[in-house]
Amino acid sequence: METTERDRAIQALQTLPEHATLDDAIERLCFIAKIEEGLRQSDARELISQEEVKKQFLS
């Protein structure tokens, strides 16, 4: 059975400490979303070389 986005969100929130705030929860979910998007881009070969990133930051 495939894990849904909702299931992954619930799992991520359940790992937060009891005293976690809403901001902590939002930060965790955004972090996971960014990681998943990066992995999707990598799988799709939508990559930028390290040299290209350096050029963009230095210009």
PDB file of N, CA and C in Angstrom:
ATOM      1  N   MET A   1       0.836  -1.181   0.000  1.00  0.00           N
ATOM      2  CA  MET A   1       0.000   0.000   0.000  1.00  0.00           C
ATOM      3  C   MET A   1       0.883   1.248   0.000  1.00  0.00           C
ATOM      4  N   GLU A   2       0.587   2.167  -0.888  1.00  0.00           N
ATOM      5  CA  GLU A   2       1.388   3.376  -1.036  1.00  0.00           C
ATOM      6  C   GLU A   2       1.062   4.381   0.069  1.00  0.00           C
ATOM      7  N   THR A   3       2.121   5.006   0.594  1.00  0.00           N
ATOM      8  CA  THR A   3       1.939   6.036   1.603  1.00  0.00           C
ATOM      9  C   THR A   3       1.520   7.332   0.928  1.00  0.00           C
ATOM     10  N   THR A   4       0.447   7.938   1.410  1.00  0.00           N
ATOM     11  CA  THR A   4      -0.040   9.180   0.827  1.00  0.00           C
ATOM     12  C   THR A   4       0.694  10.368   1.438  1.00  0.00           C
ATOM     13  N   GLU A   5       0.559  11.521   0.801  1.00  0.00           N
ATOM     14  CA  GLU A   5       1.155  12.736   1.356  1.00  0.00           C
ATOM     15  C   GLU A   5       0.583  13.029   2.730  1.00  0.00           C
ATOM     16  N   ARG A   6      -0.700  12.792   2.891  1.00  0.00           N
ATOM     17  CA  ARG A   6      -1.340  13.011   4.188  1.00  0.00           C
ATOM     18  C   ARG A   6      -0.702  12.115   5.258  1.00  0.00           C
ATOM     19  N   ASP A   7      -0.494  10.848   4.920  1.00  0.00           N
ATOM     20  CA  ASP A   7       0.132   9.914   5.860  1.00  0.00           C
ATOM     21  C   ASP A   7       1.544  10.367   6.229  1.00  0.00           C
ATOM     22  N   ARG A   8       2.306  10.823   5.218  1.00  0.00           N
ATOM     23  CA  ARG A   8       3.669  11.280   5.490  1.00  0.00           C
ATOM     24  C   ARG A   8       3.655  12.521   6.384  1.00  0.00           C
ATOM     25  N   ALA A   9       2.696  13.408   6.160  1.00  0.00           N
ATOM     26  CA  ALA A   9       2.580  14.609   6.994  1.00  0.00           C
ATOM     27  C   ALA A   9       2.255  14.227   8.436  1.00  0.00           C
ATOM     28  N   ILE A  10       1.328  13.316   8.600  1.00  0.00           N
ATOM     29  CA  ILE A  10       0.963  12.875   9.954  1.00  0.00           C
ATOM     30  C   ILE A  10       2.162  12.241  10.645  1.00  0.00           C
ATOM     31  N   GLN A  11       2.896  11.398   9.929  1.00  0.00           N
ATOM     32  CA  GLN A  11       4.083  10.761  10.522  1.00  0.00           C
ATOM     33  C   GLN A  11       5.104  11.805  10.942  1.00  0.00           C
ATOM     34  N   ALA A  12       5.322  12.816  10.102  1.00  0.00           N
ATOM     35  CA  ALA A  12       6.291  13.866  10.419  1.00  0.00           C
ATOM     36  C   ALA A  12       5.853  14.644  11.655  1.00  0.00           C
ATOM     37  N   LEU A  13       4.585  14.932  11.748  1.00  0.00           N
ATOM     38  CA  LEU A  13       4.083  15.693  12.894  1.00  0.00           C
ATOM     39  C   LEU A  13       4.124  14.871  14.175  1.00  0.00           C
ATOM     40  N   GLN A  14       3.930  13.582  14.061  1.00  0.00           N
ATOM     41  CA  GLN A  14       3.963  12.723  15.244  1.00  0.00           C
ATOM     42  C   GLN A  14       5.369  12.610  15.828  1.00  0.00           C
ATOM     43  N   THR A  15       6.398  12.905  15.034  1.00  0.00           N
ATOM     44  CA  THR A  15       7.764  12.816  15.550  1.00  0.00           C
ATOM     45  C   THR A  15       8.201  14.095  16.261  1.00  0.00           C
ATOM     46  N   LEU A  16       7.377  15.146  16.182  1.00  0.00           N
ATOM     47  CA  LEU A  16       7.716  16.393  16.876  1.00  0.00           C
ATOM     48  C   LEU A  16       7.587  16.198  18.382  1.00  0.00           C
ATOM     49  N   PRO A  17       8.392  16.908  19.156  1.00  0.00           N
ATOM     50  CA  PRO A  17       8.253  16.815  20.614  1.00  0.00           C
ATOM     51  C   PRO A  17       6.905  17.376  21.078  1.00  0.00           C
ATOM     52  N   GLU A  18       6.486  16.987  22.263  1.00  0.00           N
ATOM     53  CA  GLU A  18       5.197  17.416  22.805  1.00  0.00           C
ATOM     54  C   GLU A  18       5.070  18.934  22.879  1.00  0.00           C
ATOM     55  N   HIS A  19       6.146  19.634  23.132  1.00  0.00           N
ATOM     56  CA  HIS A  19       6.098  21.092  23.301  1.00  0.00           C
ATOM     57  C   HIS A  19       6.253  21.854  21.979  1.00  0.00           C
ATOM     58  N   ALA A  20       6.213  21.146  20.854  1.00  0.00           N
ATOM     59  CA  ALA A  20       6.401  21.788  19.549  1.00  0.00           C
ATOM     60  C   ALA A  20       5.273  22.786  19.274  1.00  0.00           C
ATOM     61  N   THR A  21       5.636  23.853  18.585  1.00  0.00           N
ATOM     62  CA  THR A  21       4.671  24.889  18.234  1.00  0.00           C
ATOM     63  C   THR A  21       4.133  24.659  16.821  1.00  0.00           C
ATOM     64  N   LEU A  22       3.139  25.448  16.455  1.00  0.00           N
ATOM     65  CA  LEU A  22       2.645  25.383  15.079  1.00  0.00           C
ATOM     66  C   LEU A  22       3.743  25.776  14.100  1.00  0.00           C
ATOM     67  N   ASP A  23       4.564  26.745  14.482  1.00  0.00           N
ATOM     68  CA  ASP A  23       5.686  27.134  13.621  1.00  0.00           C
ATOM     69  C   ASP A  23       6.652  25.970  13.424  1.00  0.00           C
ATOM     70  N   ASP A  24       6.905  25.195  14.474  1.00  0.00           N
ATOM     71  CA  ASP A  24       7.762  24.014  14.354  1.00  0.00           C
ATOM     72  C   ASP A  24       7.157  23.012  13.364  1.00  0.00           C
ATOM     73  N   ALA A  25       5.853  22.818  13.455  1.00  0.00           N
ATOM     74  CA  ALA A  25       5.170  21.875  12.560  1.00  0.00           C
ATOM     75  C   ALA A  25       5.242  22.339  11.116  1.00  0.00           C
ATOM     76  N   ILE A  26       4.989  23.619  10.908  1.00  0.00           N
ATOM     77  CA  ILE A  26       5.048  24.166   9.553  1.00  0.00           C
ATOM     78  C   ILE A  26       6.458  24.050   8.993  1.00  0.00           C
ATOM     79  N   GLU A  27       7.448  24.377   9.816  1.00  0.00           N
ATOM     80  CA  GLU A  27       8.847  24.284   9.384  1.00  0.00           C
ATOM     81  C   GLU A  27       9.200  22.851   8.987  1.00  0.00           C
ATOM     82  N   ARG A  28       8.770  21.889   9.776  1.00  0.00           N
ATOM     83  CA  ARG A  28       9.048  20.473   9.480  1.00  0.00           C
ATOM     84  C   ARG A  28       8.397  20.064   8.161  1.00  0.00           C
ATOM     85  N   LEU A  29       7.147  20.427   7.969  1.00  0.00           N
ATOM     86  CA  LEU A  29       6.445  20.044   6.744  1.00  0.00           C
ATOM     87  C   LEU A  29       7.058  20.718   5.517  1.00  0.00           C
ATOM     88  N   CYS A  30       7.451  21.984   5.647  1.00  0.00           N
ATOM     89  CA  CYS A  30       8.104  22.677   4.526  1.00  0.00           C
ATOM     90  C   CYS A  30       9.442  22.032   4.193  1.00  0.00           C
ATOM     91  N   PHE A  31      10.192  21.662   5.219  1.00  0.00           N
ATOM     92  CA  PHE A  31      11.482  21.009   5.023  1.00  0.00           C
ATOM     93  C   PHE A  31      11.300  19.700   4.251  1.00  0.00           C
ATOM     94  N   ILE A  32      10.338  18.902   4.671  1.00  0.00           N
ATOM     95  CA  ILE A  32      10.084  17.629   4.001  1.00  0.00           C
ATOM     96  C   ILE A  32       9.642  17.857   2.560  1.00  0.00           C
ATOM     97  N   ALA A  33       8.788  18.850   2.340  1.00  0.00           N
ATOM     98  CA  ALA A  33       8.324  19.152   0.978  1.00  0.00           C
ATOM     99  C   ALA A  33       9.497  19.548   0.088  1.00  0.00           C
ATOM    100  N   LYS A  34      10.427  20.353   0.610  1.00  0.00           N
ATOM    101  CA  LYS A  34      11.595  20.775  -0.175  1.00  0.00           C
ATOM    102  C   LYS A  34      12.481  19.575  -0.515  1.00  0.00           C
ATOM    103  N   ILE A  35      12.687  18.695   0.445  1.00  0.00           N
ATOM    104  CA  ILE A  35      13.492  17.491   0.208  1.00  0.00           C
ATOM    105  C   ILE A  35      12.838  16.629  -0.876  1.00  0.00           C
ATOM    106  N   GLU A  36      11.534  16.407  -0.754  1.00  0.00           N
ATOM    107  CA  GLU A  36      10.838  15.581  -1.740  1.00  0.00           C
ATOM    108  C   GLU A  36      10.884  16.211  -3.127  1.00  0.00           C
ATOM    109  N   GLU A  37      10.763  17.530  -3.209  1.00  0.00           N
ATOM    110  CA  GLU A  37      10.841  18.205  -4.507  1.00  0.00           C
ATOM    111  C   GLU A  37      12.249  18.065  -5.087  1.00  0.00           C
ATOM    112  N   GLY A  38      13.269  18.191  -4.258  1.00  0.00           N
ATOM    113  CA  GLY A  38      14.642  18.009  -4.720  1.00  0.00           C
ATOM    114  C   GLY A  38      14.878  16.601  -5.245  1.00  0.00           C
ATOM    115  N   LEU A  39      14.342  15.624  -4.555  1.00  0.00           N
ATOM    116  CA  LEU A  39      14.483  14.239  -5.013  1.00  0.00           C
ATOM    117  C   LEU A  39      13.745  14.021  -6.338  1.00  0.00           C
ATOM    118  N   ARG A  40      12.565  14.630  -6.472  1.00  0.00           N
ATOM    119  CA  ARG A  40      11.818  14.529  -7.725  1.00  0.00           C
ATOM    120  C   ARG A  40      12.608  15.150  -8.872  1.00  0.00           C
ATOM    121  N   GLN A  41      13.190  16.324  -8.617  1.00  0.00           N
ATOM    122  CA  GLN A  41      13.985  16.994  -9.641  1.00  0.00           C
ATOM    123  C   GLN A  41      15.208  16.167 -10.007  1.00  0.00           C
ATOM    124  N   SER A  42      15.818  15.565  -9.027  1.00  0.00           N
ATOM    125  CA  SER A  42      16.980  14.723  -9.295  1.00  0.00           C
ATOM    126  C   SER A  42      16.591  13.517 -10.151  1.00  0.00           C
ATOM    127  N   ASP A  43      15.488  12.873  -9.800  1.00  0.00           N
ATOM    128  CA  ASP A  43      15.014  11.729 -10.576  1.00  0.00           C
ATOM    129  C   ASP A  43      14.703  12.127 -12.016  1.00  0.00           C
ATOM    130  N   ALA A  44      14.200  13.352 -12.199  1.00  0.00           N
ATOM    131  CA  ALA A  44      13.837  13.840 -13.539  1.00  0.00           C
ATOM    132  C   ALA A  44      15.031  14.465 -14.255  1.00  0.00           C
ATOM    133  N   ARG A  45      16.193  14.412 -13.626  1.00  0.00           N
ATOM    134  CA  ARG A  45      17.422  14.991 -14.183  1.00  0.00           C
ATOM    135  C   ARG A  45      17.294  16.498 -14.421  1.00  0.00           C
ATOM    136  N   GLU A  46      16.522  17.164 -13.575  1.00  0.00           N
ATOM    137  CA  GLU A  46      16.377  18.621 -13.634  1.00  0.00           C
ATOM    138  C   GLU A  46      17.402  19.241 -12.690  1.00  0.00           C
ATOM    139  N   LEU A  47      18.655  19.050 -13.021  1.00  0.00           N
ATOM    140  CA  LEU A  47      19.733  19.450 -12.134  1.00  0.00           C
ATOM    141  C   LEU A  47      20.499  20.640 -12.694  1.00  0.00           C
ATOM    142  N   ILE A  48      21.130  21.373 -11.783  1.00  0.00           N
ATOM    143  CA  ILE A  48      22.021  22.475 -12.151  1.00  0.00           C
ATOM    144  C   ILE A  48      23.397  22.111 -11.593  1.00  0.00           C
ATOM    145  N   SER A  49      24.419  22.240 -12.409  1.00  0.00           N
ATOM    146  CA  SER A  49      25.758  21.880 -11.956  1.00  0.00           C
ATOM    147  C   SER A  49      26.237  22.841 -10.864  1.00  0.00           C
ATOM    148  N   GLN A  50      27.183  22.376 -10.095  1.00  0.00           N
ATOM    149  CA  GLN A  50      27.762  23.203  -9.040  1.00  0.00           C
ATOM    150  C   GLN A  50      28.410  24.458  -9.638  1.00  0.00           C
ATOM    151  N   GLU A  51      29.031  24.318 -10.792  1.00  0.00           N
ATOM    152  CA  GLU A  51      29.657  25.458 -11.460  1.00  0.00           C
ATOM    153  C   GLU A  51      28.617  26.507 -11.855  1.00  0.00           C
ATOM    154  N   GLU A  52      27.466  26.060 -12.355  1.00  0.00           N
ATOM    155  CA  GLU A  52      26.401  26.986 -12.730  1.00  0.00           C
ATOM    156  C   GLU A  52      25.861  27.726 -11.499  1.00  0.00           C
ATOM    157  N   VAL A  53      25.717  27.028 -10.399  1.00  0.00           N
ATOM    158  CA  VAL A  53      25.260  27.670  -9.153  1.00  0.00           C
ATOM    159  C   VAL A  53      26.262  28.738  -8.712  1.00  0.00           C
ATOM    160  N   LYS A  54      27.549  28.418  -8.791  1.00  0.00           N
ATOM    161  CA  LYS A  54      28.581  29.390  -8.428  1.00  0.00           C
ATOM    162  C   LYS A  54      28.483  30.629  -9.311  1.00  0.00           C
ATOM    163  N   LYS A  55      28.292  30.416 -10.607  1.00  0.00           N
ATOM    164  CA  LYS A  55      28.180  31.556 -11.542  1.00  0.00           C
ATOM    165  C   LYS A  55      26.975  32.434 -11.165  1.00  0.00           C
ATOM    166  N   GLN A  56      25.850  31.806 -10.843  1.00  0.00           N
ATOM    167  CA  GLN A  56      24.659  32.562 -10.495  1.00  0.00           C
ATOM    168  C   GLN A  56      24.871  33.380  -9.222  1.00  0.00           C
ATOM    169  N   PHE A  57      25.548  32.833  -8.245  1.00  0.00           N
ATOM    170  CA  PHE A  57      25.770  33.550  -6.992  1.00  0.00           C
ATOM    171  C   PHE A  57      26.816  34.635  -7.111  1.00  0.00           C
ATOM    172  N   LEU A  58      27.757  34.452  -8.007  1.00  0.00           N
ATOM    173  CA  LEU A  58      28.837  35.425  -8.146  1.00  0.00           C
ATOM    174  C   LEU A  58      28.519  36.538  -9.126  1.00  0.00           C
ATOM    175  N   SER A  59      27.410  36.420  -9.867  1.00  0.00           N
ATOM    176  CA  SER A  59      27.088  37.492 -10.825  1.00  0.00           C
ATOM    177  C   SER A  59      26.144  38.506 -10.234  1.00  0.00           C
TER     178      SER A  59
END
